[in-house]
Amino acid sequence: MADKQNFAGARFMTVAEVAEMMRVSKMTVYRLIHAGDLPAVQFGRSYRVPENAVEAYLQAAGVDPHRGTGSYGS
């Protein structure tokens, strides 16, 4: 989880939105957040993930976040 990052101007996504975008379960997104692999901000009992953090995570994994396909095999 990101503690001291500046999220001013960031667009936030819910865990469900991130899971849908990444085509994984919500539990997988929670695991990524708790492992520190995906920064998030906690509001009460729910989390919000900056949209640019999701895109950066997918790009690091070799996936085009806008196409939803990997860079391999092309």
C-alpha atoms as a PDB file:
ATOM      1  CA  MET A   1       0.000   0.000   0.000  1.00  0.00           C
ATOM      2  CA  ALA A   2       1.255   3.456  -0.787  1.00  0.00           C
ATOM      3  CA  ASP A   3       1.585   5.554   2.343  1.00  0.00           C
ATOM      4  CA  LYS A   4       3.218   8.826   1.302  1.00  0.00           C
ATOM      5  CA  GLN A   5       2.765   9.106  -2.448  1.00  0.00           C
ATOM      6  CA  ASN A   6       1.240  12.220  -3.964  1.00  0.00           C
ATOM      7  CA  PHE A   7      -2.071  11.263  -5.585  1.00  0.00           C
ATOM      8  CA  ALA A   8      -3.215  14.821  -6.404  1.00  0.00           C
ATOM      9  CA  GLY A   9      -5.065  14.820  -9.683  1.00  0.00           C
ATOM     10  CA  ALA A  10      -5.120  11.022  -9.882  1.00  0.00           C
ATOM     11  CA  ARG A  11      -8.211   9.160 -11.014  1.00  0.00           C
ATOM     12  CA  PHE A  12      -9.078   6.322  -8.667  1.00  0.00           C
ATOM     13  CA  MET A  13     -10.588   2.931  -9.416  1.00  0.00           C
ATOM     14  CA  THR A  14     -12.402   0.542  -7.099  1.00  0.00           C
ATOM     15  CA  VAL A  15     -11.046  -2.944  -6.490  1.00  0.00           C
ATOM     16  CA  ALA A  16     -13.907  -4.328  -8.599  1.00  0.00           C
ATOM     17  CA  GLU A  17     -13.013  -2.010 -11.501  1.00  0.00           C
ATOM     18  CA  VAL A  18      -9.350  -3.010 -11.295  1.00  0.00           C
ATOM     19  CA  ALA A  19     -10.297  -6.700 -11.210  1.00  0.00           C
ATOM     20  CA  GLU A  20     -12.511  -6.277 -14.277  1.00  0.00           C
ATOM     21  CA  MET A  21      -9.817  -4.366 -16.174  1.00  0.00           C
ATOM     22  CA  MET A  22      -7.159  -6.959 -15.337  1.00  0.00           C
ATOM     23  CA  ARG A  23      -9.572  -9.897 -15.769  1.00  0.00           C
ATOM     24  CA  VAL A  24      -8.729 -11.328 -12.354  1.00  0.00           C
ATOM     25  CA  SER A  25     -10.698 -11.818  -9.156  1.00  0.00           C
ATOM     26  CA  LYS A  26     -11.123  -9.094  -6.565  1.00  0.00           C
ATOM     27  CA  MET A  27      -9.147 -11.278  -4.143  1.00  0.00           C
ATOM     28  CA  THR A  28      -6.169 -11.169  -6.530  1.00  0.00           C
ATOM     29  CA  VAL A  29      -6.317  -7.361  -6.530  1.00  0.00           C
ATOM     30  CA  TYR A  30      -6.450  -7.328  -2.712  1.00  0.00           C
ATOM     31  CA  ARG A  31      -3.401  -9.621  -2.639  1.00  0.00           C
ATOM     32  CA  LEU A  32      -1.501  -7.271  -4.968  1.00  0.00           C
ATOM     33  CA  ILE A  33      -2.397  -4.323  -2.745  1.00  0.00           C
ATOM     34  CA  HIS A  34      -1.417  -6.051   0.490  1.00  0.00           C
ATOM     35  CA  ALA A  35       1.851  -7.321  -1.035  1.00  0.00           C
ATOM     36  CA  GLY A  36       2.731  -3.748  -2.004  1.00  0.00           C
ATOM     37  CA  ASP A  37       2.763  -4.571  -5.720  1.00  0.00           C
ATOM     38  CA  LEU A  38      -0.162  -2.258  -6.451  1.00  0.00           C
ATOM     39  CA  PRO A  39      -0.365   1.068  -4.578  1.00  0.00           C
ATOM     40  CA  ALA A  40      -3.723   1.956  -3.092  1.00  0.00           C
ATOM     41  CA  VAL A  41      -5.360   4.368  -0.698  1.00  0.00           C
ATOM     42  CA  GLN A  42      -7.616   3.016   2.017  1.00  0.00           C
ATOM     43  CA  PHE A  43     -10.887   4.779   2.830  1.00  0.00           C
ATOM     44  CA  GLY A  44     -12.435   3.082   5.829  1.00  0.00           C
ATOM     45  CA  ARG A  45     -12.630  -0.584   4.862  1.00  0.00           C
ATOM     46  CA  SER A  46     -12.406  -0.051   1.105  1.00  0.00           C
ATOM     47  CA  TYR A  47      -9.468   0.639  -1.184  1.00  0.00           C
ATOM     48  CA  ARG A  48      -9.047   2.895  -4.201  1.00  0.00           C
ATOM     49  CA  VAL A  49      -6.264   2.326  -6.704  1.00  0.00           C
ATOM     50  CA  PRO A  50      -4.883   5.148  -8.855  1.00  0.00           C
ATOM     51  CA  GLU A  51      -5.629   4.433 -12.515  1.00  0.00           C
ATOM     52  CA  ASN A  52      -2.044   5.253 -13.524  1.00  0.00           C
ATOM     53  CA  ALA A  53      -0.752   2.677 -11.008  1.00  0.00           C
ATOM     54  CA  VAL A  54      -2.839  -0.035 -12.680  1.00  0.00           C
ATOM     55  CA  GLU A  55      -1.543   1.002 -16.108  1.00  0.00           C
ATOM     56  CA  ALA A  56       2.059   1.015 -14.821  1.00  0.00           C
ATOM     57  CA  TYR A  57       1.602  -2.438 -13.272  1.00  0.00           C
ATOM     58  CA  LEU A  58       0.222  -3.859 -16.510  1.00  0.00           C
ATOM     59  CA  GLN A  59       2.956  -2.257 -18.619  1.00  0.00           C
ATOM     60  CA  ALA A  60       5.607  -3.734 -16.315  1.00  0.00           C
ATOM     61  CA  ALA A  61       3.956  -7.110 -16.873  1.00  0.00           C
ATOM     62  CA  GLY A  62       4.224  -6.643 -20.646  1.00  0.00           C
ATOM     63  CA  VAL A  63       0.528  -5.965 -21.179  1.00  0.00           C
ATOM     64  CA  ASP A  64      -0.944  -3.048 -23.100  1.00  0.00           C
ATOM     65  CA  PRO A  65      -3.606  -1.799 -20.638  1.00  0.00           C
ATOM     66  CA  HIS A  66      -5.648  -0.299 -23.486  1.00  0.00           C
ATOM     67  CA  ARG A  67      -5.680  -3.438 -25.637  1.00  0.00           C
ATOM     68  CA  GLY A  68      -5.591  -6.048 -22.906  1.00  0.00           C
ATOM     69  CA  THR A  69      -3.019  -8.170 -24.713  1.00  0.00           C
ATOM     70  CA  GLY A  70       0.519  -9.144 -23.889  1.00  0.00           C
ATOM     71  CA  SER A  71       3.497  -7.891 -25.846  1.00  0.00           C
ATOM     72  CA  TYR A  72       4.648 -11.439 -26.431  1.00  0.00           C
ATOM     73  CA  GLY A  73       3.519 -13.439 -29.438  1.00  0.00           C
ATOM     74  CA  SER A  74       2.913 -10.387 -31.626  1.00  0.00           C
END
